[in-house]
């Protein structure tokens, strides 16, 4: 629920109602509106208008009902708990909106929340070392990344295709398949049959980035349901930046429209992030002063397709 502070109300001018009574009446009004906001019998549009009234009372009168549905104030704090271990005890962070399912407006527009699941210590230490070994021993096999639209200056990174590390691909594929049911539950997404696990090893060094996009916005990619990103790099860390910026996304008739508020996700070493492939996201610029390949930000990333 929105946090309202009385000091957002402009200093009162002389009035017929004493200030303490006025504050009491405002608090009562807000309580009444909050009760209606939680009433399932109230339609989404009416709830949006009620929430708008609350914002107006707190001094945010310029917010429209649609913007309200996408307000960053709706983002809830993360919840941390011990996940069922896959290879060793790990910590899962789940970012969810208070209403963690997509909001459907009257015009069939879905507001996809910027929800994600991040699992720390996803691989065993020796598996993490093996991922680094795969990247470091064949830097000449990496190729420049591209986009499906062939846009220029939209993405800068290099990629090693999974055909060059088949054994490790299979190891990670099995872990992903074992993990996805729990991830779908935490994201309040429906179960689906995984027909394919796409994977690539991506290297980001000094000046690398990937601008705003989503992973399932074309006929060739529309069966992608979940995007995953496993982060790994050499310690001590010799780069900065490279956060994953995940946006709440307007989705209508199979297309991602506008992006609104966002959550920045830090690339923790040996952690993996899962999110809805329909949500827009970007990789923020990376700074790696040494520019040495081994000092960069590495990911094993890809998509789980429905079949």
Protein backbone atom coordinates (compact mmCIF):
# COMPACT_ATOMS: atom_id res chain seq x y z
CA UNK A 1 0.00 0.00 0.00
CA UNK A 2 1.19 3.46 -0.72
CA UNK A 3 3.07 5.26 2.00
CA UNK A 4 1.50 8.65 2.65
CA UNK A 5 3.28 11.32 4.63
CA UNK A 6 1.43 14.26 6.05
CA UNK A 7 4.32 16.57 5.24
CA UNK A 8 3.42 16.26 1.55
CA UNK A 9 0.39 18.46 2.28
CA UNK A 10 1.18 22.16 1.73
CA UNK A 11 1.26 24.27 4.90
CA UNK A 12 -2.32 25.22 5.65
CA UNK A 13 -3.65 28.73 5.42
CA UNK A 14 -6.09 29.92 8.06
CA UNK A 15 -9.22 27.77 7.71
CA UNK A 16 -12.45 27.00 9.48
CA UNK A 17 -11.36 23.40 10.18
CA UNK A 18 -8.58 22.98 12.77
CA UNK A 19 -5.47 21.42 11.26
CA UNK A 20 -5.48 18.37 13.53
CA UNK A 21 -9.08 17.60 12.61
CA UNK A 22 -8.24 18.09 8.94
CA UNK A 23 -5.41 15.57 9.22
CA UNK A 24 -7.77 13.14 10.94
CA UNK A 25 -10.35 13.47 8.16
CA UNK A 26 -7.69 12.95 5.49
CA UNK A 27 -6.46 9.81 7.23
CA UNK A 28 -10.04 8.51 7.45
CA UNK A 29 -10.56 9.21 3.75
CA UNK A 30 -7.38 7.40 2.82
CA UNK A 31 -8.36 4.41 4.98
CA UNK A 32 -11.74 4.22 3.23
CA UNK A 33 -10.09 4.38 -0.20
CA UNK A 34 -7.57 1.71 0.80
CA UNK A 35 -10.42 -0.60 1.84
CA UNK A 36 -12.12 -0.14 -1.53
CA UNK A 37 -8.79 -0.69 -3.29
CA UNK A 38 -8.56 -4.18 -1.76
CA UNK A 39 -12.18 -5.10 -2.55
CA UNK A 40 -12.22 -7.78 -5.33
CA UNK A 41 -15.75 -6.69 -6.27
CA UNK A 42 -14.38 -3.35 -7.46
CA UNK A 43 -13.39 -3.39 -11.15
CA UNK A 44 -9.75 -2.78 -12.20
CA UNK A 45 -10.71 0.57 -13.71
CA UNK A 46 -12.46 1.68 -10.50
CA UNK A 47 -9.47 0.53 -8.43
CA UNK A 48 -7.16 2.55 -10.69
CA UNK A 49 -9.31 5.65 -10.18
CA UNK A 50 -9.37 5.08 -6.41
CA UNK A 51 -5.60 4.71 -6.35
CA UNK A 52 -5.37 7.90 -8.40
CA UNK A 53 -7.41 9.71 -5.76
CA UNK A 54 -4.98 8.50 -3.10
CA UNK A 55 -2.07 9.82 -5.13
CA UNK A 56 -3.85 13.13 -5.60
CA UNK A 57 -4.31 13.41 -1.85
CA UNK A 58 -0.57 12.79 -1.40
CA UNK A 59 0.32 15.52 -3.89
CA UNK A 60 0.84 13.36 -7.02
CA UNK A 61 -2.04 14.81 -9.02
CA UNK A 62 -0.37 14.53 -12.45
CA UNK A 63 -0.52 10.72 -12.63
CA UNK A 64 -2.98 9.22 -15.13
CA UNK A 65 -4.82 5.92 -14.45
CA UNK A 66 -2.65 3.99 -16.96
CA UNK A 67 0.55 5.43 -15.51
CA UNK A 68 -0.75 4.46 -12.09
CA UNK A 69 -0.86 0.81 -13.12
CA UNK A 70 2.84 1.12 -13.99
CA UNK A 71 3.90 3.31 -11.07
CA UNK A 72 7.33 2.42 -9.60
CA UNK A 73 5.77 2.90 -6.17
CA UNK A 74 4.02 -0.43 -6.78
CA UNK A 75 7.34 -2.28 -6.79
CA UNK A 76 7.64 -4.35 -3.65
CA UNK A 77 10.84 -5.02 -1.71
CA UNK A 78 12.62 -8.24 -2.53
CA UNK A 79 12.00 -11.39 -0.52
CA UNK A 80 14.99 -13.61 0.27
CA UNK A 81 14.80 -17.21 1.38
CA UNK A 82 16.70 -20.48 1.04
CA UNK A 83 15.73 -22.25 -2.16
CA UNK A 84 15.70 -26.01 -2.54
CA UNK A 85 19.35 -26.75 -3.34
CA UNK A 86 20.18 -27.88 -6.84
CA UNK A 87 23.87 -28.41 -6.36
CA UNK A 88 24.50 -26.64 -3.03
CA UNK A 89 22.59 -24.31 -0.68
CA UNK A 90 21.66 -21.14 -2.54
CA UNK A 91 19.69 -17.98 -1.92
CA UNK A 92 16.82 -16.91 -4.12
CA UNK A 93 15.67 -13.33 -4.50
CA UNK A 94 12.18 -12.87 -5.89
CA UNK A 95 11.05 -9.44 -7.10
CA UNK A 96 7.25 -9.27 -7.43
CA UNK A 97 4.63 -6.58 -7.61
CA UNK A 98 1.91 -6.71 -4.93
CA UNK A 99 -0.32 -8.00 -7.73
CA UNK A 100 2.19 -10.35 -9.30
CA UNK A 101 0.12 -11.37 -12.30
CA UNK A 102 -0.15 -9.22 -15.44
CA UNK A 103 -2.70 -6.41 -15.14
CA UNK A 104 -5.21 -6.50 -18.01
CA UNK A 105 -6.83 -3.20 -18.88
CA UNK A 106 -10.17 -2.84 -20.66
CA UNK A 107 -8.49 -2.39 -24.06
CA UNK A 108 -6.83 -5.85 -23.76
CA UNK A 109 -3.53 -4.21 -22.86
CA UNK A 110 -1.44 -6.24 -20.41
CA UNK A 111 0.97 -4.57 -18.04
CA UNK A 112 3.72 -7.15 -17.50
CA UNK A 113 5.45 -6.45 -14.17
CA UNK A 114 9.23 -6.37 -13.92
CA UNK A 115 9.35 -9.59 -11.91
CA UNK A 116 12.41 -11.82 -11.71
CA UNK A 117 13.97 -14.64 -9.73
CA UNK A 118 17.69 -14.55 -8.91
CA UNK A 119 19.41 -17.62 -7.45
CA UNK A 120 22.84 -17.18 -5.89
CA UNK A 121 25.53 -19.91 -5.99
CA UNK A 122 23.72 -21.66 -8.82
CA UNK A 123 26.65 -23.86 -9.87
CA UNK A 124 29.09 -25.87 -7.78
CA UNK A 125 32.53 -24.22 -7.43
CA UNK A 126 34.13 -26.65 -9.87
CA UNK A 127 31.33 -26.05 -12.39
CA UNK A 128 31.82 -22.29 -12.08
CA UNK A 129 35.55 -22.79 -12.74
CA UNK A 130 34.73 -24.92 -15.77
CA UNK A 131 32.58 -22.12 -17.21
CA UNK A 132 35.53 -19.72 -16.86
CA UNK A 133 37.85 -22.28 -18.44
CA UNK A 134 35.55 -22.65 -21.46
CA UNK A 135 35.50 -18.90 -21.99
CA UNK A 136 39.22 -18.29 -21.44
CA UNK A 137 40.63 -21.12 -23.55
CA UNK A 138 38.98 -20.12 -26.83
CA UNK A 139 38.66 -16.30 -27.05
CA UNK A 140 39.35 -16.50 -30.80
CA UNK A 141 36.14 -18.54 -31.26
CA UNK A 142 33.88 -15.70 -30.07
CA UNK A 143 32.03 -13.80 -32.78
CA UNK A 144 30.43 -10.39 -32.75
CA UNK A 145 26.84 -10.30 -31.52
CA UNK A 146 23.95 -9.23 -33.74
CA UNK A 147 20.26 -8.41 -33.36
CA UNK A 148 17.34 -10.03 -35.19
CA UNK A 149 16.56 -6.63 -36.75
CA UNK A 150 20.21 -6.11 -37.80
CA UNK A 151 20.13 -2.67 -36.15
CA UNK A 152 23.50 -0.92 -36.02
CA UNK A 153 25.05 0.36 -32.77
CA UNK A 154 22.34 -1.40 -30.77
CA UNK A 155 24.38 -4.17 -29.25
CA UNK A 156 28.06 -4.66 -28.50
CA UNK A 157 29.36 -7.97 -27.16
CA UNK A 158 30.84 -11.23 -28.40
CA UNK A 159 29.34 -14.71 -28.40
CA UNK A 160 30.54 -18.30 -28.19
CA UNK A 161 27.93 -20.71 -29.51
CA UNK A 162 26.88 -23.72 -27.45
CA UNK A 163 28.00 -26.16 -30.14
CA UNK A 164 31.54 -25.42 -28.93
CA UNK A 165 30.83 -26.61 -25.35
CA UNK A 166 28.30 -29.47 -25.75
CA UNK A 167 29.05 -31.24 -22.45
CA UNK A 168 28.67 -28.10 -20.37
CA UNK A 169 25.56 -27.18 -22.32
CA UNK A 170 23.99 -30.49 -21.34
CA UNK A 171 24.94 -30.05 -17.68
CA UNK A 172 23.40 -26.59 -17.53
CA UNK A 173 20.35 -27.63 -19.56
CA UNK A 174 19.50 -30.31 -16.99
CA UNK A 175 19.87 -27.83 -14.13
CA UNK A 176 17.60 -25.36 -15.90
CA UNK A 177 14.92 -27.99 -16.56
CA UNK A 178 15.03 -29.03 -12.89
CA UNK A 179 14.77 -25.41 -11.70
CA UNK A 180 12.07 -24.04 -14.01
CA UNK A 181 8.98 -25.43 -12.20
CA UNK A 182 9.93 -23.54 -9.03
CA UNK A 183 10.72 -20.41 -11.04
CA UNK A 184 7.33 -20.45 -12.78
CA UNK A 185 5.58 -20.82 -9.43
CA UNK A 186 7.48 -17.88 -7.96
CA UNK A 187 6.71 -15.71 -11.00
CA UNK A 188 3.05 -16.81 -11.07
CA UNK A 189 3.42 -18.04 -14.64
CA UNK A 190 1.65 -21.10 -16.02
CA UNK A 191 3.57 -24.38 -16.42
CA UNK A 192 4.59 -25.29 -19.95
CA UNK A 193 6.41 -28.08 -21.76
CA UNK A 194 9.98 -27.02 -22.56
CA UNK A 195 10.65 -27.93 -26.17
CA UNK A 196 14.09 -26.32 -26.46
CA UNK A 197 16.75 -24.72 -24.28
CA UNK A 198 18.72 -22.15 -26.26
CA UNK A 199 22.12 -21.15 -24.92
CA UNK A 200 25.11 -19.00 -25.74
CA UNK A 201 28.16 -17.75 -23.86
CA UNK A 202 28.35 -13.97 -24.04
CA UNK A 203 31.35 -11.77 -23.20
CA UNK A 204 30.97 -8.09 -22.31
CA UNK A 205 34.13 -6.02 -22.04
CA UNK A 206 34.86 -2.30 -21.93
CA UNK A 207 32.13 -0.27 -23.64
CA UNK A 208 29.82 -3.23 -24.30
CA UNK A 209 26.05 -2.88 -23.95
CA UNK A 210 22.67 -4.02 -25.31
CA UNK A 211 19.90 -1.43 -25.70
CA UNK A 212 16.22 -1.95 -24.84
CA UNK A 213 14.66 -5.03 -26.42
CA UNK A 214 12.60 -8.08 -25.60
CA UNK A 215 13.30 -11.71 -26.45
CA UNK A 216 10.01 -12.90 -27.94
CA UNK A 217 8.84 -10.10 -30.20
CA UNK A 218 9.18 -11.72 -33.62
CA UNK A 219 7.67 -14.75 -35.40
CA UNK A 220 11.01 -16.55 -34.99
CA UNK A 221 11.15 -15.96 -31.23
CA UNK A 222 7.51 -15.90 -30.08
CA UNK A 223 7.72 -19.37 -28.47
CA UNK A 224 10.32 -18.14 -25.98
CA UNK A 225 8.70 -18.08 -22.53
CA UNK A 226 11.51 -17.63 -20.00
CA UNK A 227 14.82 -15.82 -20.38
CA UNK A 228 17.72 -16.85 -18.14
CA UNK A 229 21.11 -15.23 -17.53
CA UNK A 230 23.87 -16.99 -15.57
CA UNK A 231 26.62 -14.56 -14.52
CA UNK A 232 30.25 -15.52 -13.97
CA UNK A 233 33.57 -13.71 -13.91
CA UNK A 234 37.06 -13.88 -12.47
CA UNK A 235 37.70 -12.70 -8.93
CA UNK A 236 38.65 -10.09 -7.94
CA UNK A 237 36.12 -8.33 -10.13
CA UNK A 238 37.79 -6.04 -12.67
CA UNK A 239 34.78 -4.43 -14.34
CA UNK A 240 31.88 -2.27 -13.30
CA UNK A 241 28.41 -1.64 -14.69
CA UNK A 242 26.67 -4.27 -16.76
CA UNK A 243 23.48 -4.32 -14.70
CA UNK A 244 20.46 -5.99 -16.25
CA UNK A 245 17.72 -3.35 -16.41
CA UNK A 246 14.31 -5.05 -16.47
CA UNK A 247 11.24 -3.01 -17.44
CA UNK A 248 7.56 -3.33 -16.67
CA UNK A 249 6.19 -3.72 -20.19
CA UNK A 250 2.97 -2.95 -22.03
CA UNK A 251 1.95 -6.03 -24.04
CA UNK A 252 -0.88 -6.09 -26.56
CA UNK A 253 -1.80 -8.58 -29.28
CA UNK A 254 1.57 -10.31 -29.14
CA UNK A 255 3.68 -7.16 -29.25
CA UNK A 256 5.71 -5.33 -26.61
CA UNK A 257 4.73 -1.69 -26.77
CA UNK A 258 6.07 0.77 -24.22
CA UNK A 259 8.37 0.24 -21.28
CA UNK A 260 7.89 2.17 -18.05
CA UNK A 261 9.55 1.80 -14.65
CA UNK A 262 12.40 -0.64 -14.20
CA UNK A 263 14.47 -2.66 -11.75
CA UNK A 264 18.28 -2.86 -12.00
CA UNK A 265 19.71 -6.32 -11.29
CA UNK A 266 23.39 -6.60 -10.39
CA UNK A 267 25.39 -9.36 -12.12
CA UNK A 268 26.41 -11.31 -9.03
CA UNK A 269 29.12 -13.90 -9.65
CA UNK A 270 27.75 -17.47 -9.94
CA UNK A 271 24.12 -16.31 -9.85
CA UNK A 272 21.33 -16.86 -12.36
CA UNK A 273 18.34 -14.65 -13.18
CA UNK A 274 15.03 -15.76 -14.71
CA UNK A 275 12.32 -13.48 -16.12
CA UNK A 276 9.43 -13.37 -18.61
CA UNK A 277 10.85 -13.22 -22.16
CA UNK A 278 8.15 -10.74 -23.16
CA UNK A 279 9.48 -8.06 -20.80
CA UNK A 280 11.75 -5.41 -22.26
CA UNK A 281 15.23 -5.21 -20.81
CA UNK A 282 18.73 -3.97 -21.54
CA UNK A 283 22.35 -4.50 -20.52
CA UNK A 284 23.78 -1.30 -19.13
CA UNK A 285 27.24 -0.24 -20.38
CA UNK A 286 30.24 -2.11 -19.00
CA UNK A 287 33.48 -0.46 -17.93
CA UNK A 288 36.59 -2.64 -17.91
CA UNK A 289 39.67 -0.39 -17.66
CA UNK A 290 42.21 -3.14 -18.41
CA UNK A 291 40.26 -4.23 -21.53
CA UNK A 292 41.70 -7.71 -21.02
CA UNK A 293 39.35 -10.43 -22.21
CA UNK A 294 39.67 -12.37 -18.94
CA UNK A 295 38.63 -9.33 -16.88
CA UNK A 296 35.22 -8.99 -18.52
CA UNK A 297 31.64 -9.82 -17.62
CA UNK A 298 30.56 -13.27 -18.84
CA UNK A 299 27.14 -14.89 -19.07
CA UNK A 300 25.65 -18.18 -20.12
CA UNK A 301 22.30 -16.92 -21.31
CA UNK A 302 19.40 -18.07 -23.39
CA UNK A 303 15.74 -18.96 -23.53
CA UNK A 304 13.36 -21.77 -22.73
CA UNK A 305 10.85 -22.32 -25.51
CA UNK A 306 7.39 -23.80 -25.26
CA UNK A 307 6.48 -26.62 -27.56
